[in-house]
């Protein structure tokens, strides 16, 4: 990038031409943002669904782990916190709540970005100032929100994976050893057939939903990987525009 900037400095390219180039790249980012927004409703729906079901999973995880001697037999859930089952629900709830907040915040930020990007028309000539301001918005607000969503959805995926791993193992051991299930059931203090049916259905539902979520999240992560360096390159070009354009020089 530094070599490119040096080359540009040595050429007779104008700040207006650079702004037009940045404008076109902002349009490319906007296209990816539109794709991202199509999946936000699904992400929010999955987070809400996990929030509604996590308490139900927790009682199985807690009872199953105690019966297994603190997960000596089964996988340790939720980032290895085998001795902190009382914090499982609260930690999961906080994580899912943070994911929901980041999704809704990004929906607002990305919508603002799209409106401003749509107002730019390279064919009709663009305002260097407007392009510069949108580049800074993309870097300081849009990209930040994009990365926050990715981080929170990563945590959601990890929470789903650890819960599913434990439920699948518990479901397996339930059918293969009466002694283990008797210990677990004694802690649950409820109907045998009802619990087995609920656990089996919950495991299947979580597996299917998590699979769909992970597929869409992968697509979202790919756009972040593509757009993060692109936005940073826009900032680099914008820095050069600010050096070339007298209006910015006066503003310093």
Protein backbone atom coordinates (compact mmCIF):
# COMPACT_ATOMS: atom_id res chain seq x y z
CA UNK A 1 0.00 0.00 0.00
CA UNK A 2 2.82 2.42 0.84
CA UNK A 3 4.38 1.79 -2.57
CA UNK A 4 1.05 2.48 -4.26
CA UNK A 5 0.66 5.74 -2.39
CA UNK A 6 4.20 6.78 -3.31
CA UNK A 7 3.48 6.04 -6.96
CA UNK A 8 0.28 8.06 -6.82
CA UNK A 9 2.07 10.98 -5.21
CA UNK A 10 4.53 11.00 -8.12
CA UNK A 11 1.73 10.97 -10.70
CA UNK A 12 -0.46 13.85 -11.74
CA UNK A 13 -3.66 12.19 -10.52
CA UNK A 14 -6.12 14.61 -8.93
CA UNK A 15 -7.95 14.39 -5.64
CA UNK A 16 -11.22 14.33 -7.60
CA UNK A 17 -10.13 11.25 -9.55
CA UNK A 18 -9.09 9.52 -6.32
CA UNK A 19 -12.42 10.43 -4.72
CA UNK A 20 -14.26 8.92 -7.70
CA UNK A 21 -12.23 5.73 -7.26
CA UNK A 22 -13.07 5.62 -3.56
CA UNK A 23 -16.69 6.22 -4.44
CA UNK A 24 -16.78 3.15 -6.66
CA UNK A 25 -15.19 1.07 -3.94
CA UNK A 26 -17.71 2.34 -1.42
CA UNK A 27 -20.39 1.06 -3.79
CA UNK A 28 -18.69 -2.36 -3.70
CA UNK A 29 -18.75 -2.33 0.09
CA UNK A 30 -22.41 -1.32 0.01
CA UNK A 31 -23.23 -4.35 -2.16
CA UNK A 32 -21.67 -6.64 0.45
CA UNK A 33 -23.47 -4.84 3.27
CA UNK A 34 -26.79 -5.49 1.55
CA UNK A 35 -25.96 -9.19 1.44
CA UNK A 36 -25.03 -9.11 5.13
CA UNK A 37 -28.30 -7.44 6.08
CA UNK A 38 -30.29 -10.21 4.43
CA UNK A 39 -28.99 -12.62 7.07
CA UNK A 40 -29.40 -10.35 10.10
CA UNK A 41 -33.03 -11.36 10.70
CA UNK A 42 -32.00 -15.03 10.70
CA UNK A 43 -29.16 -14.34 13.13
CA UNK A 44 -31.47 -12.41 15.44
CA UNK A 45 -34.06 -15.19 15.25
CA UNK A 46 -31.48 -17.83 16.13
CA UNK A 47 -30.16 -15.79 19.06
CA UNK A 48 -33.72 -15.36 20.39
CA UNK A 49 -34.36 -19.08 19.99
CA UNK A 50 -31.16 -19.99 21.83
CA UNK A 51 -32.04 -17.52 24.60
CA UNK A 52 -35.44 -19.17 25.03
CA UNK A 53 -34.00 -22.70 25.17
CA UNK A 54 -30.73 -22.30 27.04
CA UNK A 55 -32.32 -22.68 30.49
CA UNK A 56 -33.78 -26.02 29.41
CA UNK A 57 -30.40 -27.22 28.16
CA UNK A 58 -28.74 -26.08 31.36
CA UNK A 59 -30.60 -28.45 33.64
CA UNK A 60 -29.50 -31.43 31.53
CA UNK A 61 -25.94 -30.20 31.35
CA UNK A 62 -25.81 -29.65 35.10
CA UNK A 63 -27.51 -32.92 36.06
CA UNK A 64 -25.64 -34.95 33.45
CA UNK A 65 -22.28 -33.55 34.50
CA UNK A 66 -22.86 -34.20 38.19
CA UNK A 67 -23.92 -37.76 37.43
CA UNK A 68 -20.80 -38.24 35.33
CA UNK A 69 -18.48 -36.94 38.03
CA UNK A 70 -18.13 -33.42 36.67
CA UNK A 71 -17.86 -34.40 33.03
CA UNK A 72 -15.14 -37.03 33.38
CA UNK A 73 -17.12 -39.11 30.92
CA UNK A 74 -18.90 -36.48 28.84
CA UNK A 75 -17.53 -33.38 27.05
CA UNK A 76 -17.09 -30.33 29.23
CA UNK A 77 -19.63 -27.66 28.21
CA UNK A 78 -19.25 -23.97 27.70
CA UNK A 79 -15.54 -23.24 27.43
CA UNK A 80 -14.52 -25.89 29.96
CA UNK A 81 -16.33 -24.42 32.97
CA UNK A 82 -17.05 -27.84 34.48
CA UNK A 83 -17.13 -26.52 38.04
CA UNK A 84 -19.21 -23.44 37.26
CA UNK A 85 -22.56 -24.87 36.17
CA UNK A 86 -24.48 -22.35 38.27
CA UNK A 87 -23.07 -19.64 36.00
CA UNK A 88 -23.90 -21.40 32.77
CA UNK A 89 -27.31 -19.83 32.23
CA UNK A 90 -26.30 -16.32 33.27
CA UNK A 91 -23.11 -16.40 31.17
CA UNK A 92 -24.97 -17.75 28.16
CA UNK A 93 -27.77 -15.21 28.59
CA UNK A 94 -25.30 -12.33 28.73
CA UNK A 95 -23.50 -13.60 25.64
CA UNK A 96 -26.72 -13.98 23.66
CA UNK A 97 -28.01 -10.60 24.83
CA UNK A 98 -24.79 -8.94 23.68
CA UNK A 99 -25.14 -10.66 20.30
CA UNK A 100 -28.68 -9.34 19.92
CA UNK A 101 -27.60 -5.80 20.79
CA UNK A 102 -24.72 -5.87 18.31
CA UNK A 103 -26.99 -7.16 15.52
CA UNK A 104 -29.57 -4.43 16.01
CA UNK A 105 -26.90 -1.75 16.32
CA UNK A 106 -25.28 -2.90 13.10
CA UNK A 107 -28.62 -2.89 11.30
CA UNK A 108 -28.98 0.80 12.14
CA UNK A 109 -25.36 1.66 11.28
CA UNK A 110 -25.37 -0.27 8.00
CA UNK A 111 -28.66 1.30 6.96
CA UNK A 112 -27.19 4.74 7.52
CA UNK A 113 -24.16 3.76 5.44
CA UNK A 114 -26.33 2.47 2.57
CA UNK A 115 -28.42 5.62 2.44
CA UNK A 116 -25.30 7.77 2.19
CA UNK A 117 -23.65 5.44 -0.32
CA UNK A 118 -26.76 5.49 -2.52
CA UNK A 119 -26.65 9.29 -2.58
CA UNK A 120 -23.22 9.17 -4.24
CA UNK A 121 -23.37 9.08 -8.05
CA UNK A 122 -19.99 8.79 -9.81
CA UNK A 123 -21.65 9.42 -13.18
CA UNK A 124 -22.86 12.81 -12.05
CA UNK A 125 -19.67 13.76 -10.26
CA UNK A 126 -19.04 13.30 -6.56
CA UNK A 127 -18.19 15.62 -3.72
CA UNK A 128 -14.70 14.93 -2.44
CA UNK A 129 -15.84 16.01 1.00
CA UNK A 130 -18.85 13.66 1.03
CA UNK A 131 -16.78 10.71 -0.14
CA UNK A 132 -14.14 11.44 2.49
CA UNK A 133 -16.73 11.65 5.24
CA UNK A 134 -18.33 8.37 4.20
CA UNK A 135 -14.93 6.65 4.07
CA UNK A 136 -14.32 7.75 7.67
CA UNK A 137 -17.80 6.56 8.66
CA UNK A 138 -17.13 3.20 7.03
CA UNK A 139 -13.87 2.85 8.95
CA UNK A 140 -14.93 4.16 12.35
CA UNK A 141 -18.55 2.97 12.54
CA UNK A 142 -19.47 0.44 9.86
CA UNK A 143 -16.37 -1.75 10.11
CA UNK A 144 -16.38 -1.58 13.90
CA UNK A 145 -20.00 -2.74 14.01
CA UNK A 146 -19.31 -5.44 11.43
CA UNK A 147 -16.46 -6.88 13.50
CA UNK A 148 -18.50 -6.69 16.73
CA UNK A 149 -21.29 -8.70 15.13
CA UNK A 150 -18.77 -11.26 13.91
CA UNK A 151 -17.23 -11.61 17.37
CA UNK A 152 -20.60 -12.04 19.10
CA UNK A 153 -21.85 -14.49 16.50
CA UNK A 154 -18.63 -16.45 16.94
CA UNK A 155 -19.43 -16.69 20.66
CA UNK A 156 -22.97 -17.78 19.82
CA UNK A 157 -21.63 -20.49 17.52
CA UNK A 158 -19.27 -21.72 20.24
CA UNK A 159 -22.08 -21.76 22.78
CA UNK A 160 -24.25 -23.75 20.37
CA UNK A 161 -21.45 -26.21 19.63
CA UNK A 162 -20.63 -26.87 23.28
CA UNK A 163 -24.31 -27.28 24.20
CA UNK A 164 -24.94 -29.60 21.26
CA UNK A 165 -21.87 -31.70 22.03
CA UNK A 166 -23.03 -32.23 25.58
CA UNK A 167 -26.65 -32.94 24.70
CA UNK A 168 -25.64 -35.43 22.01
CA UNK A 169 -23.37 -37.26 24.43
CA UNK A 170 -25.98 -37.28 27.17
CA UNK A 171 -28.56 -38.57 24.70
CA UNK A 172 -26.17 -41.34 23.69
CA UNK A 173 -25.31 -42.41 27.22
CA UNK A 174 -28.96 -42.27 28.18
CA UNK A 175 -29.67 -45.11 25.79
CA UNK A 176 -26.53 -47.12 26.43
CA UNK A 177 -26.29 -47.31 30.22
CA UNK A 178 -29.14 -47.54 32.67
CA UNK A 179 -26.89 -46.72 35.61
CA UNK A 180 -25.84 -43.40 34.13
CA UNK A 181 -29.41 -42.42 33.21
CA UNK A 182 -30.71 -43.40 36.65
CA UNK A 183 -28.19 -41.01 38.22
CA UNK A 184 -29.11 -38.22 35.83
CA UNK A 185 -32.84 -38.80 36.16
CA UNK A 186 -32.64 -38.74 39.95
CA UNK A 187 -31.26 -35.22 39.71
CA UNK A 188 -33.89 -34.12 37.20
CA UNK A 189 -36.71 -35.65 39.30
CA UNK A 190 -39.12 -36.02 36.42
CA UNK A 191 -40.78 -38.54 34.10
CA UNK A 192 -38.35 -40.90 32.36
CA UNK A 193 -40.03 -41.16 28.95
CA UNK A 194 -40.92 -37.47 28.85
CA UNK A 195 -37.35 -36.43 29.60
CA UNK A 196 -35.85 -38.79 27.05
CA UNK A 197 -38.26 -37.59 24.38
CA UNK A 198 -37.65 -33.93 25.16
CA UNK A 199 -33.89 -34.37 25.22
CA UNK A 200 -33.89 -36.24 21.90
CA UNK A 201 -36.10 -33.62 20.23
CA UNK A 202 -34.05 -30.76 21.68
CA UNK A 203 -30.80 -32.29 20.44
CA UNK A 204 -32.18 -32.75 16.92
CA UNK A 205 -33.63 -29.25 16.82
CA UNK A 206 -30.42 -27.64 18.04
CA UNK A 207 -28.34 -29.65 15.58
CA UNK A 208 -30.48 -28.57 12.61
CA UNK A 209 -30.72 -24.94 13.64
CA UNK A 210 -27.03 -24.70 14.44
CA UNK A 211 -26.16 -26.17 11.05
CA UNK A 212 -28.26 -23.54 9.26
CA UNK A 213 -26.85 -20.77 11.44
CA UNK A 214 -23.24 -21.82 10.85
CA UNK A 215 -23.76 -21.87 7.08
CA UNK A 216 -25.09 -18.29 7.04
CA UNK A 217 -22.50 -17.12 9.53
CA UNK A 218 -19.73 -18.46 7.28
CA UNK A 219 -21.02 -16.27 4.43
CA UNK A 220 -21.12 -13.25 6.73
CA UNK A 221 -17.56 -13.91 7.91
CA UNK A 222 -16.38 -14.11 4.30
CA UNK A 223 -17.74 -10.63 3.56
CA UNK A 224 -16.02 -9.24 6.67
CA UNK A 225 -12.73 -10.80 5.57
CA UNK A 226 -13.15 -9.20 2.15
CA UNK A 227 -14.35 -5.75 3.23
CA UNK A 228 -12.09 -5.06 6.22
CA UNK A 229 -8.89 -4.59 4.14
CA UNK A 230 -10.89 -2.82 1.42
CA UNK A 231 -12.16 -0.21 3.88
CA UNK A 232 -8.65 0.26 5.26
CA UNK A 233 -7.38 0.88 1.72
CA UNK A 234 -10.09 3.51 1.29
CA UNK A 235 -8.74 5.29 4.36
CA UNK A 236 -5.22 5.22 2.93
CA UNK A 237 -6.40 6.76 -0.34
CA UNK A 238 -8.47 9.28 1.57
CA UNK A 239 -5.38 10.35 3.49
CA UNK A 240 -3.71 11.08 0.16
CA UNK A 241 -6.78 13.00 -1.05
CA UNK A 242 -6.57 15.16 2.04
CA UNK A 243 -2.95 15.93 1.21
CA UNK A 244 -3.76 16.81 -2.41
CA UNK A 245 -6.99 18.76 -1.94
CA UNK A 246 -6.58 22.42 -0.88
CA UNK A 247 -9.93 22.35 0.95
CA UNK A 248 -8.58 19.79 3.38
CA UNK A 249 -5.32 21.65 3.72
CA UNK A 250 -7.23 24.76 4.80
CA UNK A 251 -9.22 22.70 7.31
CA UNK A 252 -6.08 21.52 9.10
